[in-house]
Amino acid sequence: LGHPVTARYLIGYSLGGLFAVYEGMKGLFDGIASISGSMWFPGIFDYVNTCDFPKSMQKAYFSIGNRENGKPNSPFARAIESSQEMAGLFQRNGVKTRFELNEGGHFVDFADRSLKGIAYLAQGE
């Protein structure tokens, strides 16, 4: 309130994490955090690969629980690997990126895991 905005971040959990990646590619944010993001969602890699990474995108944080992969024939079968691959894609495109694999499933430690993403984005260099 009354202070100039110096950085803008978009943070989302689950489908919100997918949205953070999607919307982050539009160049309105300095960083994104995708916590247990739905990187398994069909077409998200195609979309990101067709975008030019915005110059404003400086940081990205991806995390997922180590028990989030689904059964072999489910859409979630590669949830962990998909999150790792998306983090790698951001990193290869010059975005300072952190990936963390957390203990537990999709709904474990929602608040703490979100705070880790916020802390990573907010830390100065």
N, C-alpha and C. Protein backbone atom coordinates (compact mmCIF):
# COMPACT_ATOMS: atom_id res chain seq x y z
N LEU A 1 0.83 -1.17 0.00
CA LEU A 1 0.00 0.00 0.00
C LEU A 1 0.88 1.24 0.00
N GLY A 2 0.89 1.92 -1.10
CA GLY A 2 1.72 3.09 -1.22
C GLY A 2 3.15 2.80 -1.64
N HIS A 3 3.54 1.50 -1.67
CA HIS A 3 4.89 1.12 -2.08
C HIS A 3 4.85 0.64 -3.52
N PRO A 4 5.86 0.97 -4.29
CA PRO A 4 5.87 0.48 -5.68
C PRO A 4 6.05 -1.04 -5.72
N VAL A 5 5.42 -1.66 -6.65
CA VAL A 5 5.58 -3.10 -6.85
C VAL A 5 6.91 -3.33 -7.55
N THR A 6 7.75 -4.16 -6.96
CA THR A 6 9.05 -4.42 -7.57
C THR A 6 9.13 -5.76 -8.25
N ALA A 7 8.28 -6.69 -7.87
CA ALA A 7 8.26 -8.00 -8.50
C ALA A 7 6.85 -8.58 -8.38
N ARG A 8 6.49 -9.36 -9.38
CA ARG A 8 5.18 -10.02 -9.38
C ARG A 8 5.38 -11.51 -9.55
N TYR A 9 4.73 -12.26 -8.67
CA TYR A 9 4.84 -13.71 -8.70
C TYR A 9 3.46 -14.32 -8.73
N LEU A 10 3.36 -15.45 -9.40
CA LEU A 10 2.12 -16.20 -9.44
C LEU A 10 2.39 -17.57 -8.85
N ILE A 11 1.58 -17.95 -7.87
CA ILE A 11 1.80 -19.19 -7.13
C ILE A 11 0.52 -20.00 -7.18
N GLY A 12 0.63 -21.28 -7.49
CA GLY A 12 -0.55 -22.11 -7.54
C GLY A 12 -0.28 -23.53 -7.07
N TYR A 13 -1.33 -24.16 -6.59
CA TYR A 13 -1.27 -25.53 -6.09
C TYR A 13 -2.21 -26.38 -6.93
N SER A 14 -1.76 -27.56 -7.35
CA SER A 14 -2.56 -28.50 -8.13
C SER A 14 -2.90 -27.88 -9.49
N LEU A 15 -4.17 -27.78 -9.83
CA LEU A 15 -4.52 -27.14 -11.10
C LEU A 15 -4.09 -25.68 -11.11
N GLY A 16 -4.03 -25.06 -9.94
CA GLY A 16 -3.50 -23.70 -9.84
C GLY A 16 -2.03 -23.63 -10.23
N GLY A 17 -1.29 -24.70 -9.96
CA GLY A 17 0.11 -24.78 -10.38
C GLY A 17 0.24 -24.87 -11.89
N LEU A 18 -0.67 -25.60 -12.51
CA LEU A 18 -0.74 -25.64 -13.98
C LEU A 18 -1.04 -24.25 -14.51
N PHE A 19 -2.00 -23.56 -13.89
CA PHE A 19 -2.36 -22.21 -14.30
C PHE A 19 -1.17 -21.25 -14.14
N ALA A 20 -0.38 -21.40 -13.08
CA ALA A 20 0.78 -20.54 -12.88
C ALA A 20 1.76 -20.67 -14.05
N VAL A 21 1.98 -21.89 -14.50
CA VAL A 21 2.86 -22.11 -15.64
C VAL A 21 2.25 -21.49 -16.90
N TYR A 22 1.00 -21.79 -17.15
CA TYR A 22 0.30 -21.29 -18.34
C TYR A 22 0.30 -19.76 -18.38
N GLU A 23 -0.13 -19.15 -17.32
CA GLU A 23 -0.24 -17.69 -17.28
C GLU A 23 1.13 -17.03 -17.21
N GLY A 24 2.08 -17.72 -16.57
CA GLY A 24 3.43 -17.18 -16.46
C GLY A 24 4.11 -16.98 -17.81
N MET A 25 3.70 -17.74 -18.81
CA MET A 25 4.29 -17.63 -20.13
C MET A 25 3.85 -16.36 -20.87
N LYS A 26 2.92 -15.63 -20.31
CA LYS A 26 2.40 -14.43 -20.97
C LYS A 26 3.22 -13.17 -20.67
N GLY A 27 4.20 -13.29 -19.78
CA GLY A 27 5.11 -12.17 -19.54
C GLY A 27 4.65 -11.16 -18.51
N LEU A 28 3.68 -11.50 -17.71
CA LEU A 28 3.18 -10.56 -16.70
C LEU A 28 3.80 -10.75 -15.33
N PHE A 29 4.59 -11.82 -15.18
CA PHE A 29 5.13 -12.16 -13.87
C PHE A 29 6.64 -12.33 -13.93
N ASP A 30 7.28 -12.06 -12.80
CA ASP A 30 8.73 -12.21 -12.68
C ASP A 30 9.11 -13.62 -12.27
N GLY A 31 8.15 -14.36 -11.78
CA GLY A 31 8.41 -15.72 -11.36
C GLY A 31 7.11 -16.44 -11.06
N ILE A 32 7.22 -17.76 -11.05
CA ILE A 32 6.05 -18.60 -10.74
C ILE A 32 6.47 -19.69 -9.75
N ALA A 33 5.48 -20.19 -9.02
CA ALA A 33 5.67 -21.37 -8.19
C ALA A 33 4.52 -22.32 -8.49
N SER A 34 4.87 -23.53 -8.86
CA SER A 34 3.90 -24.57 -9.15
C SER A 34 4.10 -25.69 -8.13
N ILE A 35 3.20 -25.76 -7.18
CA ILE A 35 3.30 -26.74 -6.11
C ILE A 35 2.30 -27.85 -6.41
N SER A 36 2.80 -29.06 -6.57
CA SER A 36 1.97 -30.20 -6.98
C SER A 36 1.16 -29.84 -8.22
N GLY A 37 1.79 -29.08 -9.10
CA GLY A 37 1.12 -28.63 -10.32
C GLY A 37 0.76 -29.79 -11.24
N SER A 38 -0.29 -29.62 -11.96
CA SER A 38 -0.82 -30.67 -12.84
C SER A 38 -0.07 -30.68 -14.17
N MET A 39 1.22 -30.94 -14.13
CA MET A 39 2.04 -30.95 -15.34
C MET A 39 1.75 -32.15 -16.23
N TRP A 40 0.93 -33.06 -15.73
CA TRP A 40 0.48 -34.21 -16.52
C TRP A 40 -0.62 -33.80 -17.49
N PHE A 41 -1.16 -32.61 -17.35
CA PHE A 41 -2.31 -32.16 -18.14
C PHE A 41 -1.97 -32.16 -19.63
N PRO A 42 -2.81 -32.78 -20.45
CA PRO A 42 -2.51 -32.88 -21.89
C PRO A 42 -2.32 -31.50 -22.53
N GLY A 43 -1.25 -31.36 -23.26
CA GLY A 43 -1.00 -30.16 -24.04
C GLY A 43 -0.15 -29.10 -23.37
N ILE A 44 0.12 -29.21 -22.08
CA ILE A 44 0.86 -28.14 -21.41
C ILE A 44 2.29 -28.03 -21.94
N PHE A 45 2.93 -29.15 -22.22
CA PHE A 45 4.29 -29.09 -22.76
C PHE A 45 4.29 -28.51 -24.17
N ASP A 46 3.31 -28.89 -24.97
CA ASP A 46 3.20 -28.33 -26.32
C ASP A 46 3.03 -26.82 -26.25
N TYR A 47 2.19 -26.37 -25.33
CA TYR A 47 1.95 -24.94 -25.18
C TYR A 47 3.24 -24.22 -24.78
N VAL A 48 3.90 -24.69 -23.74
CA VAL A 48 5.11 -24.01 -23.25
C VAL A 48 6.19 -24.02 -24.33
N ASN A 49 6.30 -25.12 -25.06
CA ASN A 49 7.32 -25.20 -26.11
C ASN A 49 7.05 -24.28 -27.29
N THR A 50 5.82 -23.84 -27.46
CA THR A 50 5.52 -22.91 -28.56
C THR A 50 5.67 -21.46 -28.13
N CYS A 51 5.86 -21.21 -26.86
CA CYS A 51 6.00 -19.85 -26.35
C CYS A 51 7.46 -19.44 -26.32
N ASP A 52 7.69 -18.16 -26.49
CA ASP A 52 9.00 -17.61 -26.17
C ASP A 52 8.99 -17.34 -24.67
N PHE A 53 10.02 -17.77 -23.98
CA PHE A 53 10.06 -17.51 -22.55
C PHE A 53 10.17 -16.00 -22.34
N PRO A 54 9.27 -15.44 -21.54
CA PRO A 54 9.28 -13.99 -21.35
C PRO A 54 10.55 -13.52 -20.64
N LYS A 55 11.04 -12.38 -21.05
CA LYS A 55 12.23 -11.82 -20.41
C LYS A 55 11.98 -11.51 -18.93
N SER A 56 10.74 -11.24 -18.59
CA SER A 56 10.42 -10.94 -17.19
C SER A 56 10.55 -12.16 -16.27
N MET A 57 10.44 -13.36 -16.83
CA MET A 57 10.46 -14.59 -16.03
C MET A 57 11.88 -14.86 -15.53
N GLN A 58 12.11 -14.57 -14.26
CA GLN A 58 13.43 -14.73 -13.66
C GLN A 58 13.58 -16.00 -12.83
N LYS A 59 12.49 -16.41 -12.16
CA LYS A 59 12.58 -17.54 -11.24
C LYS A 59 11.36 -18.44 -11.38
N ALA A 60 11.60 -19.72 -11.13
CA ALA A 60 10.49 -20.68 -11.11
C ALA A 60 10.77 -21.72 -10.03
N TYR A 61 9.71 -22.12 -9.39
CA TYR A 61 9.80 -23.12 -8.32
C TYR A 61 8.78 -24.20 -8.61
N PHE A 62 9.23 -25.43 -8.62
CA PHE A 62 8.36 -26.58 -8.83
C PHE A 62 8.57 -27.55 -7.67
N SER A 63 7.49 -28.06 -7.12
CA SER A 63 7.61 -29.10 -6.12
C SER A 63 6.45 -30.06 -6.27
N ILE A 64 6.68 -31.26 -5.80
CA ILE A 64 5.65 -32.30 -5.87
C ILE A 64 5.98 -33.34 -4.80
N GLY A 65 4.97 -34.05 -4.36
CA GLY A 65 5.17 -35.10 -3.36
C GLY A 65 5.66 -36.39 -4.00
N ASN A 66 6.45 -37.14 -3.24
CA ASN A 66 7.04 -38.37 -3.79
C ASN A 66 6.03 -39.51 -3.93
N ARG A 67 4.78 -39.27 -3.55
CA ARG A 67 3.74 -40.29 -3.70
C ARG A 67 2.62 -39.81 -4.62
N GLU A 68 2.93 -38.90 -5.53
CA GLU A 68 1.88 -38.33 -6.37
C GLU A 68 1.70 -39.04 -7.71
N ASN A 69 2.62 -39.91 -8.08
CA ASN A 69 2.39 -40.67 -9.31
C ASN A 69 1.19 -41.58 -9.14
N GLY A 70 0.39 -41.69 -10.17
CA GLY A 70 -0.79 -42.55 -10.11
C GLY A 70 -0.50 -43.93 -10.67
N LYS A 71 -1.55 -44.70 -10.80
CA LYS A 71 -1.43 -46.04 -11.37
C LYS A 71 -0.95 -45.93 -12.81
N PRO A 72 -0.31 -46.98 -13.34
CA PRO A 72 0.32 -46.90 -14.66
C PRO A 72 -0.57 -46.39 -15.80
N ASN A 73 -1.84 -46.67 -15.79
CA ASN A 73 -2.71 -46.23 -16.89
C ASN A 73 -3.50 -44.97 -16.57
N SER A 74 -3.18 -44.30 -15.47
CA SER A 74 -3.91 -43.09 -15.10
C SER A 74 -3.22 -41.86 -15.68
N PRO A 75 -3.94 -40.74 -15.78
CA PRO A 75 -3.31 -39.50 -16.25
C PRO A 75 -2.17 -39.04 -15.34
N PHE A 76 -2.18 -39.49 -14.09
CA PHE A 76 -1.19 -39.07 -13.09
C PHE A 76 0.03 -39.99 -13.04
N ALA A 77 0.11 -40.96 -13.93
CA ALA A 77 1.16 -41.98 -13.88
C ALA A 77 2.56 -41.37 -13.85
N ARG A 78 2.75 -40.26 -14.51
CA ARG A 78 4.07 -39.62 -14.59
C ARG A 78 4.05 -38.22 -13.98
N ALA A 79 3.26 -38.02 -12.94
CA ALA A 79 3.13 -36.69 -12.34
C ALA A 79 4.48 -36.15 -11.88
N ILE A 80 5.26 -36.97 -11.21
CA ILE A 80 6.56 -36.53 -10.69
C ILE A 80 7.51 -36.21 -11.85
N GLU A 81 7.61 -37.13 -12.78
CA GLU A 81 8.52 -36.93 -13.91
C GLU A 81 8.12 -35.71 -14.74
N SER A 82 6.83 -35.50 -14.89
CA SER A 82 6.36 -34.34 -15.66
C SER A 82 6.73 -33.03 -14.98
N SER A 83 6.64 -32.99 -13.66
CA SER A 83 7.06 -31.79 -12.92
C SER A 83 8.56 -31.56 -13.06
N GLN A 84 9.34 -32.64 -12.96
CA GLN A 84 10.79 -32.52 -13.13
C GLN A 84 11.13 -32.04 -14.54
N GLU A 85 10.44 -32.57 -15.54
CA GLU A 85 10.69 -32.18 -16.92
C GLU A 85 10.33 -30.71 -17.16
N MET A 86 9.23 -30.25 -16.58
CA MET A 86 8.85 -28.85 -16.75
C MET A 86 9.89 -27.94 -16.08
N ALA A 87 10.34 -28.32 -14.89
CA ALA A 87 11.38 -27.54 -14.22
C ALA A 87 12.63 -27.47 -15.11
N GLY A 88 13.00 -28.58 -15.70
CA GLY A 88 14.16 -28.61 -16.60
C GLY A 88 13.97 -27.72 -17.82
N LEU A 89 12.77 -27.70 -18.35
CA LEU A 89 12.47 -26.85 -19.49
C LEU A 89 12.65 -25.37 -19.15
N PHE A 90 12.16 -24.98 -17.97
CA PHE A 90 12.33 -23.60 -17.52
C PHE A 90 13.82 -23.29 -17.35
N GLN A 91 14.53 -24.20 -16.72
CA GLN A 91 15.96 -23.98 -16.47
C GLN A 91 16.73 -23.86 -17.79
N ARG A 92 16.44 -24.73 -18.74
CA ARG A 92 17.14 -24.67 -20.03
C ARG A 92 16.85 -23.38 -20.79
N ASN A 93 15.77 -22.72 -20.44
CA ASN A 93 15.41 -21.46 -21.10
C ASN A 93 15.85 -20.24 -20.29
N GLY A 94 16.81 -20.44 -19.39
CA GLY A 94 17.42 -19.33 -18.70
C GLY A 94 16.72 -18.84 -17.44
N VAL A 95 15.74 -19.59 -16.97
CA VAL A 95 15.02 -19.21 -15.76
C VAL A 95 15.70 -19.90 -14.57
N LYS A 96 16.04 -19.13 -13.55
CA LYS A 96 16.61 -19.73 -12.34
C LYS A 96 15.52 -20.57 -11.70
N THR A 97 15.75 -21.87 -11.63
CA THR A 97 14.69 -22.81 -11.27
C THR A 97 15.11 -23.74 -10.15
N ARG A 98 14.17 -24.00 -9.26
CA ARG A 98 14.38 -24.99 -8.21
C ARG A 98 13.27 -26.03 -8.31
N PHE A 99 13.66 -27.30 -8.18
CA PHE A 99 12.71 -28.40 -8.11
C PHE A 99 12.92 -29.11 -6.79
N GLU A 100 11.81 -29.39 -6.09
CA GLU A 100 11.90 -30.12 -4.83
C GLU A 100 10.91 -31.27 -4.83
N LEU A 101 11.41 -32.42 -4.42
CA LEU A 101 10.57 -33.60 -4.23
C LEU A 101 10.33 -33.72 -2.73
N ASN A 102 9.06 -33.62 -2.34
CA ASN A 102 8.68 -33.63 -0.93
C ASN A 102 8.13 -34.99 -0.52
N GLU A 103 8.14 -35.25 0.76
CA GLU A 103 7.53 -36.47 1.29
C GLU A 103 6.01 -36.38 1.19
N GLY A 104 5.39 -37.48 0.80
CA GLY A 104 3.94 -37.55 0.87
C GLY A 104 3.22 -37.41 -0.45
N GLY A 105 1.90 -37.44 -0.32
CA GLY A 105 1.02 -37.36 -1.47
C GLY A 105 0.59 -35.93 -1.77
N HIS A 106 -0.42 -35.83 -2.59
CA HIS A 106 -0.86 -34.56 -3.15
C HIS A 106 -1.31 -33.55 -2.10
N PHE A 107 -1.95 -33.99 -1.05
CA PHE A 107 -2.53 -33.07 -0.07
C PHE A 107 -1.72 -32.91 1.21
N VAL A 108 -0.51 -33.43 1.23
CA VAL A 108 0.33 -33.39 2.43
C VAL A 108 1.07 -32.05 2.51
N ASP A 109 0.97 -31.39 3.65
CA ASP A 109 1.72 -30.16 3.95
C ASP A 109 1.50 -29.05 2.93
N PHE A 110 0.24 -28.88 2.53
CA PHE A 110 -0.11 -27.84 1.55
C PHE A 110 0.48 -26.48 1.91
N ALA A 111 0.27 -26.03 3.14
CA ALA A 111 0.73 -24.70 3.53
C ALA A 111 2.25 -24.59 3.57
N ASP A 112 2.91 -25.56 4.18
CA ASP A 112 4.37 -25.52 4.28
C ASP A 112 5.02 -25.58 2.90
N ARG A 113 4.49 -26.43 2.04
CA ARG A 113 5.06 -26.55 0.69
C ARG A 113 4.84 -25.26 -0.10
N SER A 114 3.72 -24.62 0.09
CA SER A 114 3.45 -23.34 -0.58
C SER A 114 4.40 -22.26 -0.07
N LEU A 115 4.62 -22.25 1.24
CA LEU A 115 5.54 -21.27 1.83
C LEU A 115 6.97 -21.44 1.31
N LYS A 116 7.39 -22.67 1.06
CA LYS A 116 8.71 -22.90 0.48
C LYS A 116 8.82 -22.23 -0.89
N GLY A 117 7.77 -22.34 -1.68
CA GLY A 117 7.78 -21.70 -2.99
C GLY A 117 7.83 -20.19 -2.90
N ILE A 118 7.04 -19.65 -1.98
CA ILE A 118 7.03 -18.20 -1.76
C ILE A 118 8.41 -17.73 -1.30
N ALA A 119 8.99 -18.45 -0.37
CA ALA A 119 10.32 -18.07 0.15
C ALA A 119 11.37 -18.10 -0.96
N TYR A 120 11.32 -19.11 -1.80
CA TYR A 120 12.29 -19.19 -2.90
C TYR A 120 12.15 -17.98 -3.84
N LEU A 121 10.92 -17.65 -4.20
CA LEU A 121 10.70 -16.52 -5.11
C LEU A 121 11.12 -15.19 -4.48
N ALA A 122 10.87 -15.05 -3.19
CA ALA A 122 11.10 -13.78 -2.51
C ALA A 122 12.56 -13.55 -2.12
N GLN A 123 13.34 -14.60 -2.07
CA GLN A 123 14.73 -14.42 -1.63
C GLN A 123 15.51 -13.61 -2.65
N GLY A 124 16.32 -12.71 -2.15
CA GLY A 124 17.15 -11.88 -3.02
C GLY A 124 18.38 -12.64 -3.50
N GLU A 125 18.96 -12.11 -4.51
CA GLU A 125 20.18 -12.74 -5.05
C GLU A 125 21.38 -11.87 -4.75
